[in-house]
């Protein structure tokens, strides 16, 4: 079971690196534009780009907090399972 978990994380990391490498390859500092042939010289355009970055950051933080919360819950359940915990079954609906 642990092997599958490690392989799953390895595949996720490789996928992330592949997407990151593609983006890094396609990145050109002078071509940062929201629309074709639009320049980010306008304050409105810079504000819109900043808003997109802010939303992206909030989304990443939300995902991280959820993942860390799930990880804490899993660790708690594993500790409870190892210690014997409450052996009664939950009521059936």
PDB file of N, CA and C in Angstrom:
ATOM      1  N   UNK A   1       0.823  -1.196   0.000  1.00  0.00           N
ATOM      2  CA  UNK A   1       0.000   0.000   0.000  1.00  0.00           C
ATOM      3  C   UNK A   1       0.864   1.256   0.000  1.00  0.00           C
ATOM      4  N   UNK A   2       1.952   1.216   0.760  1.00  0.00           N
ATOM      5  CA  UNK A   2       2.834   2.390   0.813  1.00  0.00           C
ATOM      6  C   UNK A   2       3.484   2.639  -0.529  1.00  0.00           C
ATOM      7  N   UNK A   3       3.767   1.579  -1.267  1.00  0.00           N
ATOM      8  CA  UNK A   3       4.406   1.737  -2.572  1.00  0.00           C
ATOM      9  C   UNK A   3       3.499   2.521  -3.518  1.00  0.00           C
ATOM     10  N   UNK A   4       2.218   2.204  -3.499  1.00  0.00           N
ATOM     11  CA  UNK A   4       1.273   2.910  -4.361  1.00  0.00           C
ATOM     12  C   UNK A   4       1.187   4.380  -3.959  1.00  0.00           C
ATOM     13  N   UNK A   5       1.198   4.649  -2.662  1.00  0.00           N
ATOM     14  CA  UNK A   5       1.160   6.032  -2.188  1.00  0.00           C
ATOM     15  C   UNK A   5       2.382   6.795  -2.659  1.00  0.00           C
ATOM     16  N   UNK A   6       3.545   6.176  -2.528  1.00  0.00           N
ATOM     17  CA  UNK A   6       4.777   6.841  -2.965  1.00  0.00           C
ATOM     18  C   UNK A   6       4.782   7.046  -4.486  1.00  0.00           C
ATOM     19  N   UNK A   7       4.314   6.057  -5.221  1.00  0.00           N
ATOM     20  CA  UNK A   7       4.237   6.207  -6.675  1.00  0.00           C
ATOM     21  C   UNK A   7       3.260   7.316  -7.070  1.00  0.00           C
ATOM     22  N   UNK A   8       2.158   7.394  -6.346  1.00  0.00           N
ATOM     23  CA  UNK A   8       1.181   8.441  -6.626  1.00  0.00           C
ATOM     24  C   UNK A   8       1.793   9.828  -6.422  1.00  0.00           C
ATOM     25  N   UNK A   9       2.512  10.022  -5.322  1.00  0.00           N
ATOM     26  CA  UNK A   9       3.137  11.321  -5.072  1.00  0.00           C
ATOM     27  C   UNK A   9       4.253  11.594  -6.071  1.00  0.00           C
ATOM     28  N   UNK A  10       4.969  10.550  -6.464  1.00  0.00           N
ATOM     29  CA  UNK A  10       6.023  10.723  -7.461  1.00  0.00           C
ATOM     30  C   UNK A  10       5.432  11.169  -8.798  1.00  0.00           C
ATOM     31  N   UNK A  11       4.328  10.560  -9.211  1.00  0.00           N
ATOM     32  CA  UNK A  11       3.673  10.952 -10.450  1.00  0.00           C
ATOM     33  C   UNK A  11       3.138  12.381 -10.377  1.00  0.00           C
ATOM     34  N   UNK A  12       2.601  12.757  -9.229  1.00  0.00           N
ATOM     35  CA  UNK A  12       2.127  14.137  -9.062  1.00  0.00           C
ATOM     36  C   UNK A  12       3.274  15.127  -9.179  1.00  0.00           C
ATOM     37  N   UNK A  13       4.399  14.789  -8.554  1.00  0.00           N
ATOM     38  CA  UNK A  13       5.564  15.673  -8.624  1.00  0.00           C
ATOM     39  C   UNK A  13       6.085  15.774 -10.049  1.00  0.00           C
ATOM     40  N   UNK A  14       6.116  14.657 -10.756  1.00  0.00           N
ATOM     41  CA  UNK A  14       6.580  14.690 -12.145  1.00  0.00           C
ATOM     42  C   UNK A  14       5.643  15.498 -13.025  1.00  0.00           C
ATOM     43  N   UNK A  15       4.337  15.373 -12.805  1.00  0.00           N
ATOM     44  CA  UNK A  15       3.379  16.165 -13.556  1.00  0.00           C
ATOM     45  C   UNK A  15       3.566  17.654 -13.272  1.00  0.00           C
ATOM     46  N   UNK A  16       3.754  17.994 -12.003  1.00  0.00           N
ATOM     47  CA  UNK A  16       3.997  19.391 -11.647  1.00  0.00           C
ATOM     48  C   UNK A  16       5.257  19.908 -12.325  1.00  0.00           C
ATOM     49  N   UNK A  17       6.327  19.125 -12.278  1.00  0.00           N
ATOM     50  CA  UNK A  17       7.574  19.562 -12.904  1.00  0.00           C
ATOM     51  C   UNK A  17       7.423  19.703 -14.410  1.00  0.00           C
ATOM     52  N   UNK A  18       6.657  18.818 -15.034  1.00  0.00           N
ATOM     53  CA  UNK A  18       6.451  18.918 -16.481  1.00  0.00           C
ATOM     54  C   UNK A  18       5.699  20.195 -16.831  1.00  0.00           C
ATOM     55  N   UNK A  19       4.641  20.496 -16.089  1.00  0.00           N
ATOM     56  CA  UNK A  19       3.882  21.721 -16.342  1.00  0.00           C
ATOM     57  C   UNK A  19       4.739  22.944 -16.044  1.00  0.00           C
ATOM     58  N   UNK A  20       5.497  22.899 -14.955  1.00  0.00           N
ATOM     59  CA  UNK A  20       6.369  24.015 -14.601  1.00  0.00           C
ATOM     60  C   UNK A  20       7.440  24.237 -15.670  1.00  0.00           C
ATOM     61  N   UNK A  21       8.028  23.154 -16.158  1.00  0.00           N
ATOM     62  CA  UNK A  21       9.058  23.289 -17.197  1.00  0.00           C
ATOM     63  C   UNK A  21       8.463  23.862 -18.478  1.00  0.00           C
ATOM     64  N   UNK A  22       7.266  23.436 -18.834  1.00  0.00           N
ATOM     65  CA  UNK A  22       6.618  23.980 -20.021  1.00  0.00           C
ATOM     66  C   UNK A  22       6.360  25.471 -19.862  1.00  0.00           C
ATOM     67  N   UNK A  23       5.844  25.854 -18.698  1.00  0.00           N
ATOM     68  CA  UNK A  23       5.567  27.277 -18.454  1.00  0.00           C
ATOM     69  C   UNK A  23       6.852  28.093 -18.436  1.00  0.00           C
ATOM     70  N   UNK A  24       7.889  27.566 -17.834  1.00  0.00           N
ATOM     71  CA  UNK A  24       9.156  28.294 -17.782  1.00  0.00           C
ATOM     72  C   UNK A  24       9.741  28.436 -19.185  1.00  0.00           C
ATOM     73  N   UNK A  25       9.549  27.422 -20.013  1.00  0.00           N
ATOM     74  CA  UNK A  25      10.056  27.479 -21.380  1.00  0.00           C
ATOM     75  C   UNK A  25       9.298  28.521 -22.203  1.00  0.00           C
ATOM     76  N   UNK A  26       7.992  28.635 -21.974  1.00  0.00           N
ATOM     77  CA  UNK A  26       7.162  29.550 -22.741  1.00  0.00           C
ATOM     78  C   UNK A  26       7.178  30.980 -22.212  1.00  0.00           C
ATOM     79  N   UNK A  27       7.778  31.181 -21.045  1.00  0.00           N
ATOM     80  CA  UNK A  27       7.751  32.502 -20.408  1.00  0.00           C
ATOM     81  C   UNK A  27       8.751  33.447 -21.069  1.00  0.00           C
ATOM     82  N   UNK A  28       8.265  34.607 -21.421  1.00  0.00           N
ATOM     83  CA  UNK A  28       9.114  35.677 -21.929  1.00  0.00           C
ATOM     84  C   UNK A  28       8.714  36.942 -21.192  1.00  0.00           C
ATOM     85  N   UNK A  29       9.619  37.573 -20.459  1.00  0.00           N
ATOM     86  CA  UNK A  29       9.246  38.703 -19.609  1.00  0.00           C
ATOM     87  C   UNK A  29       8.550  39.829 -20.366  1.00  0.00           C
ATOM     88  N   UNK A  30       8.898  40.080 -21.601  1.00  0.00           N
ATOM     89  CA  UNK A  30       8.292  41.171 -22.339  1.00  0.00           C
ATOM     90  C   UNK A  30       6.904  40.869 -22.849  1.00  0.00           C
ATOM     91  N   UNK A  31       6.469  39.614 -22.777  1.00  0.00           N
ATOM     92  CA  UNK A  31       5.179  39.220 -23.353  1.00  0.00           C
ATOM     93  C   UNK A  31       4.081  39.023 -22.308  1.00  0.00           C
ATOM     94  N   UNK A  32       4.263  39.579 -21.130  1.00  0.00           N
ATOM     95  CA  UNK A  32       3.252  39.412 -20.081  1.00  0.00           C
ATOM     96  C   UNK A  32       2.040  40.265 -20.431  1.00  0.00           C
ATOM     97  N   UNK A  33       1.035  39.648 -21.008  1.00  0.00           N
ATOM     98  CA  UNK A  33      -0.162  40.380 -21.405  1.00  0.00           C
ATOM     99  C   UNK A  33      -1.390  39.518 -21.152  1.00  0.00           C
ATOM    100  N   UNK A  34      -2.484  40.165 -20.811  1.00  0.00           N
ATOM    101  CA  UNK A  34      -3.726  39.429 -20.582  1.00  0.00           C
ATOM    102  C   UNK A  34      -4.417  39.106 -21.892  1.00  0.00           C
ATOM    103  N   UNK A  35      -4.323  40.000 -22.841  1.00  0.00           N
ATOM    104  CA  UNK A  35      -4.919  39.801 -24.148  1.00  0.00           C
ATOM    105  C   UNK A  35      -3.834  39.982 -25.202  1.00  0.00           C
ATOM    106  N   UNK A  36      -3.992  39.391 -26.373  1.00  0.00           N
ATOM    107  CA  UNK A  36      -2.985  39.585 -27.414  1.00  0.00           C
ATOM    108  C   UNK A  36      -2.787  41.068 -27.723  1.00  0.00           C
ATOM    109  N   UNK A  37      -1.572  41.469 -27.850  1.00  0.00           N
ATOM    110  CA  UNK A  37      -1.166  42.835 -28.160  1.00  0.00           C
ATOM    111  C   UNK A  37      -1.689  43.870 -27.163  1.00  0.00           C
ATOM    112  N   UNK A  38      -1.883  43.452 -25.926  1.00  0.00           N
ATOM    113  CA  UNK A  38      -2.268  44.403 -24.880  1.00  0.00           C
ATOM    114  C   UNK A  38      -1.047  44.645 -24.003  1.00  0.00           C
ATOM    115  N   UNK A  39      -0.812  45.868 -23.647  1.00  0.00           N
ATOM    116  CA  UNK A  39       0.319  46.124 -22.758  1.00  0.00           C
ATOM    117  C   UNK A  39      -0.211  46.326 -21.343  1.00  0.00           C
ATOM    118  N   UNK A  40       0.651  46.034 -20.386  1.00  0.00           N
ATOM    119  CA  UNK A  40       0.257  46.167 -18.991  1.00  0.00           C
ATOM    120  C   UNK A  40       0.691  47.529 -18.448  1.00  0.00           C
ATOM    121  N   UNK A  41       0.771  48.513 -19.305  1.00  0.00           N
ATOM    122  CA  UNK A  41       1.166  49.835 -18.871  1.00  0.00           C
ATOM    123  C   UNK A  41       0.044  50.573 -18.175  1.00  0.00           C
ATOM    124  N   UNK A  42      -1.191  50.276 -18.521  1.00  0.00           N
ATOM    125  CA  UNK A  42      -2.333  50.927 -17.893  1.00  0.00           C
ATOM    126  C   UNK A  42      -2.453  50.507 -16.436  1.00  0.00           C
ATOM    127  N   UNK A  43      -2.818  51.426 -15.562  1.00  0.00           N
ATOM    128  CA  UNK A  43      -3.044  51.027 -14.166  1.00  0.00           C
ATOM    129  C   UNK A  43      -4.176  50.012 -14.035  1.00  0.00           C
ATOM    130  N   UNK A  44      -5.181  50.111 -14.909  1.00  0.00           N
ATOM    131  CA  UNK A  44      -6.291  49.151 -14.843  1.00  0.00           C
ATOM    132  C   UNK A  44      -5.800  47.739 -15.149  1.00  0.00           C
ATOM    133  N   UNK A  45      -4.938  47.611 -16.138  1.00  0.00           N
ATOM    134  CA  UNK A  45      -4.418  46.294 -16.508  1.00  0.00           C
ATOM    135  C   UNK A  45      -3.550  45.714 -15.400  1.00  0.00           C
ATOM    136  N   UNK A  46      -2.736  46.557 -14.801  1.00  0.00           N
ATOM    137  CA  UNK A  46      -1.893  46.082 -13.704  1.00  0.00           C
ATOM    138  C   UNK A  46      -2.752  45.667 -12.525  1.00  0.00           C
ATOM    139  N   UNK A  47      -3.817  46.420 -12.263  1.00  0.00           N
ATOM    140  CA  UNK A  47      -4.711  46.058 -11.163  1.00  0.00           C
ATOM    141  C   UNK A  47      -5.414  44.740 -11.420  1.00  0.00           C
ATOM    142  N   UNK A  48      -5.823  44.532 -12.661  1.00  0.00           N
ATOM    143  CA  UNK A  48      -6.478  43.273 -13.013  1.00  0.00           C
ATOM    144  C   UNK A  48      -5.507  42.099 -12.880  1.00  0.00           C
ATOM    145  N   UNK A  49      -4.282  42.295 -13.333  1.00  0.00           N
ATOM    146  CA  UNK A  49      -3.273  41.240 -13.205  1.00  0.00           C
ATOM    147  C   UNK A  49      -2.980  40.963 -11.732  1.00  0.00           C
ATOM    148  N   UNK A  50      -2.914  42.010 -10.917  1.00  0.00           N
ATOM    149  CA  UNK A  50      -2.685  41.823  -9.477  1.00  0.00           C
ATOM    150  C   UNK A  50      -3.852  41.075  -8.839  1.00  0.00           C
ATOM    151  N   UNK A  51      -5.064  41.378  -9.284  1.00  0.00           N
ATOM    152  CA  UNK A  51      -6.236  40.677  -8.759  1.00  0.00           C
ATOM    153  C   UNK A  51      -6.187  39.190  -9.108  1.00  0.00           C
ATOM    154  N   UNK A  52      -5.790  38.871 -10.334  1.00  0.00           N
ATOM    155  CA  UNK A  52      -5.657  37.468 -10.724  1.00  0.00           C
ATOM    156  C   UNK A  52      -4.612  36.763  -9.874  1.00  0.00           C
ATOM    157  N   UNK A  53      -3.497  37.440  -9.632  1.00  0.00           N
ATOM    158  CA  UNK A  53      -2.442  36.833  -8.796  1.00  0.00           C
ATOM    159  C   UNK A  53      -2.941  36.619  -7.367  1.00  0.00           C
ATOM    160  N   UNK A  54      -3.663  37.587  -6.849  1.00  0.00           N
ATOM    161  CA  UNK A  54      -4.199  37.474  -5.498  1.00  0.00           C
ATOM    162  C   UNK A  54      -5.181  36.307  -5.399  1.00  0.00           C
ATOM    163  N   UNK A  55      -6.070  36.191  -6.374  1.00  0.00           N
ATOM    164  CA  UNK A  55      -7.034  35.081  -6.367  1.00  0.00           C
ATOM    165  C   UNK A  55      -6.323  33.735  -6.470  1.00  0.00           C
ATOM    166  N   UNK A  56      -5.285  33.680  -7.296  1.00  0.00           N
ATOM    167  CA  UNK A  56      -4.532  32.437  -7.431  1.00  0.00           C
ATOM    168  C   UNK A  56      -3.866  32.074  -6.109  1.00  0.00           C
ATOM    169  N   UNK A  57      -3.287  33.053  -5.436  1.00  0.00           N
ATOM    170  CA  UNK A  57      -2.645  32.814  -4.146  1.00  0.00           C
ATOM    171  C   UNK A  57      -3.628  32.354  -3.086  1.00  0.00           C
ATOM    172  N   UNK A  58      -4.805  32.974  -3.066  1.00  0.00           N
ATOM    173  CA  UNK A  58      -5.825  32.562  -2.100  1.00  0.00           C
ATOM    174  C   UNK A  58      -6.274  31.131  -2.382  1.00  0.00           C
ATOM    175  N   UNK A  59      -6.402  30.785  -3.651  1.00  0.00           N
ATOM    176  CA  UNK A  59      -6.787  29.417  -4.000  1.00  0.00           C
ATOM    177  C   UNK A  59      -5.751  28.396  -3.551  1.00  0.00           C
ATOM    178  N   UNK A  60      -4.474  28.726  -3.737  1.00  0.00           N
ATOM    179  CA  UNK A  60      -3.405  27.818  -3.306  1.00  0.00           C
ATOM    180  C   UNK A  60      -3.429  27.668  -1.793  1.00  0.00           C
ATOM    181  N   UNK A  61      -3.588  28.768  -1.066  1.00  0.00           N
ATOM    182  CA  UNK A  61      -3.635  28.691   0.396  1.00  0.00           C
ATOM    183  C   UNK A  61      -4.843  27.889   0.875  1.00  0.00           C
ATOM    184  N   UNK A  62      -5.975  28.051   0.201  1.00  0.00           N
ATOM    185  CA  UNK A  62      -7.168  27.290   0.581  1.00  0.00           C
ATOM    186  C   UNK A  62      -6.942  25.790   0.375  1.00  0.00           C
ATOM    187  N   UNK A  63      -6.312  25.444  -0.740  1.00  0.00           N
ATOM    188  CA  UNK A  63      -6.031  24.026  -0.993  1.00  0.00           C
ATOM    189  C   UNK A  63      -5.039  23.479   0.027  1.00  0.00           C
ATOM    190  N   UNK A  64      -4.008  24.262   0.348  1.00  0.00           N
ATOM    191  CA  UNK A  64      -3.025  23.810   1.319  1.00  0.00           C
ATOM    192  C   UNK A  64      -3.655  23.619   2.691  1.00  0.00           C
ATOM    193  N   UNK A  65      -4.503  24.542   3.109  1.00  0.00           N
ATOM    194  CA  UNK A  65      -5.120  24.404   4.428  1.00  0.00           C
ATOM    195  C   UNK A  65      -6.013  23.166   4.470  1.00  0.00           C
ATOM    196  N   UNK A  66      -6.714  22.900   3.388  1.00  0.00           N
ATOM    197  CA  UNK A  66      -7.572  21.714   3.350  1.00  0.00           C
ATOM    198  C   UNK A  66      -6.722  20.435   3.394  1.00  0.00           C
ATOM    199  N   UNK A  67      -5.638  20.414   2.613  1.00  0.00           N
ATOM    200  CA  UNK A  67      -4.766  19.236   2.612  1.00  0.00           C
ATOM    201  C   UNK A  67      -4.142  19.001   3.980  1.00  0.00           C
ATOM    202  N   UNK A  68      -3.678  20.067   4.620  1.00  0.00           N
ATOM    203  CA  UNK A  68      -3.071  19.914   5.943  1.00  0.00           C
ATOM    204  C   UNK A  68      -4.109  19.473   6.974  1.00  0.00           C
ATOM    205  N   UNK A  69      -5.329  19.982   6.863  1.00  0.00           N
ATOM    206  CA  UNK A  69      -6.387  19.550   7.771  1.00  0.00           C
ATOM    207  C   UNK A  69      -6.716  18.076   7.598  1.00  0.00           C
ATOM    208  N   UNK A  70      -6.772  17.632   6.350  1.00  0.00           N
ATOM    209  CA  UNK A  70      -7.031  16.219   6.096  1.00  0.00           C
ATOM    210  C   UNK A  70      -5.884  15.358   6.616  1.00  0.00           C
ATOM    211  N   UNK A  71      -4.668  15.839   6.446  1.00  0.00           N
ATOM    212  CA  UNK A  71      -3.513  15.089   6.930  1.00  0.00           C
ATOM    213  C   UNK A  71      -3.545  14.956   8.452  1.00  0.00           C
ATOM    214  N   UNK A  72      -3.893  16.048   9.149  1.00  0.00           N
ATOM    215  CA  UNK A  72      -3.994  15.982  10.608  1.00  0.00           C
ATOM    216  C   UNK A  72      -5.078  15.003  11.034  1.00  0.00           C
ATOM    217  N   UNK A  73      -6.204  15.019  10.331  1.00  0.00           N
ATOM    218  CA  UNK A  73      -7.293  14.114  10.671  1.00  0.00           C
ATOM    219  C   UNK A  73      -6.885  12.657  10.439  1.00  0.00           C
ATOM    220  N   UNK A  74      -6.193  12.399   9.351  1.00  0.00           N
ATOM    221  CA  UNK A  74      -5.730  11.033   9.068  1.00  0.00           C
ATOM    222  C   UNK A  74      -4.754  10.573  10.138  1.00  0.00           C
ATOM    223  N   UNK A  75      -3.823  11.447  10.534  1.00  0.00           N
ATOM    224  CA  UNK A  75      -2.862  11.071  11.578  1.00  0.00           C
ATOM    225  C   UNK A  75      -3.574  10.790  12.896  1.00  0.00           C
ATOM    226  N   UNK A  76      -4.578  11.599  13.218  1.00  0.00           N
ATOM    227  CA  UNK A  76      -5.352  11.378  14.447  1.00  0.00           C
ATOM    228  C   UNK A  76      -6.058  10.032  14.403  1.00  0.00           C
ATOM    229  N   UNK A  77      -6.664   9.717  13.259  1.00  0.00           N
ATOM    230  CA  UNK A  77      -7.367   8.438  13.134  1.00  0.00           C
ATOM    231  C   UNK A  77      -6.395   7.260  13.183  1.00  0.00           C
ATOM    232  N   UNK A  78      -5.203   7.422  12.595  1.00  0.00           N
ATOM    233  CA  UNK A  78      -4.211   6.350  12.651  1.00  0.00           C
ATOM    234  C   UNK A  78      -3.738   6.121  14.078  1.00  0.00           C
ATOM    235  N   UNK A  79      -3.513   7.207  14.828  1.00  0.00           N
ATOM    236  CA  UNK A  79      -3.108   7.064  16.229  1.00  0.00           C
ATOM    237  C   UNK A  79      -4.201   6.370  17.026  1.00  0.00           C
ATOM    238  N   UNK A  80      -5.443   6.756  16.771  1.00  0.00           N
ATOM    239  CA  UNK A  80      -6.557   6.149  17.470  1.00  0.00           C
ATOM    240  C   UNK A  80      -6.673   4.669  17.123  1.00  0.00           C
ATOM    241  N   UNK A  81      -6.440   4.335  15.881  1.00  0.00           N
ATOM    242  CA  UNK A  81      -6.524   2.944  15.448  1.00  0.00           C
ATOM    243  C   UNK A  81      -5.418   2.107  16.094  1.00  0.00           C
ATOM    244  N   UNK A  82      -4.195   2.683  16.157  1.00  0.00           N
ATOM    245  CA  UNK A  82      -3.075   1.958  16.767  1.00  0.00           C
ATOM    246  C   UNK A  82      -3.260   1.771  18.266  1.00  0.00           C
ATOM    247  N   UNK A  83      -3.855   2.738  18.929  1.00  0.00           N
ATOM    248  CA  UNK A  83      -4.005   2.648  20.382  1.00  0.00           C
ATOM    249  C   UNK A  83      -5.194   1.769  20.786  1.00  0.00           C
ATOM    250  N   UNK A  84      -5.949   1.334  19.855  1.00  0.00           N
ATOM    251  CA  UNK A  84      -7.097   0.488  20.175  1.00  0.00           C
ATOM    252  C   UNK A  84      -8.391   1.251  20.029  1.00  0.00           C
ATOM    253  N   UNK A  85      -8.380   2.476  20.457  1.00  0.00           N
ATOM    254  CA  UNK A  85      -9.517   3.370  20.255  1.00  0.00           C
ATOM    255  C   UNK A  85     -10.835   2.799  20.738  1.00  0.00           C
ATOM    256  N   UNK A  86     -11.891   3.386  20.299  1.00  0.00           N
ATOM    257  CA  UNK A  86     -13.239   2.944  20.639  1.00  0.00           C
ATOM    258  C   UNK A  86     -13.649   1.876  19.637  1.00  0.00           C
ATOM    259  N   UNK A  87     -13.833   0.668  20.122  1.00  0.00           N
ATOM    260  CA  UNK A  87     -14.101  -0.452  19.224  1.00  0.00           C
ATOM    261  C   UNK A  87     -15.585  -0.618  18.888  1.00  0.00           C
ATOM    262  N   UNK A  88     -16.422   0.277  19.345  1.00  0.00           N
ATOM    263  CA  UNK A  88     -17.842   0.142  19.046  1.00  0.00           C
ATOM    264  C   UNK A  88     -18.116   0.640  17.643  1.00  0.00           C
ATOM    265  N   UNK A  89     -19.034  -0.012  16.970  1.00  0.00           N
ATOM    266  CA  UNK A  89     -19.397   0.390  15.622  1.00  0.00           C
ATOM    267  C   UNK A  89     -20.392   1.556  15.684  1.00  0.00           C
ATOM    268  N   UNK A  90     -20.332   2.445  14.717  1.00  0.00           N
ATOM    269  CA  UNK A  90     -21.317   3.526  14.687  1.00  0.00           C
ATOM    270  C   UNK A  90     -22.705   2.972  14.387  1.00  0.00           C
ATOM    271  N   UNK A  91     -23.740   3.688  14.809  1.00  0.00           N
ATOM    272  CA  UNK A  91     -25.102   3.186  14.535  1.00  0.00           C
ATOM    273  C   UNK A  91     -25.370   3.149  13.030  1.00  0.00           C
ATOM    274  N   UNK A  92     -26.064   2.102  12.617  1.00  0.00           N
ATOM    275  CA  UNK A  92     -26.401   1.956  11.207  1.00  0.00           C
ATOM    276  C   UNK A  92     -27.642   2.779  10.886  1.00  0.00           C
ATOM    277  N   UNK A  93     -27.605   3.464   9.763  1.00  0.00           N
ATOM    278  CA  UNK A  93     -28.737   4.307   9.372  1.00  0.00           C
ATOM    279  C   UNK A  93     -29.789   3.504   8.640  1.00  0.00           C
TER     280      UNK A  93
END
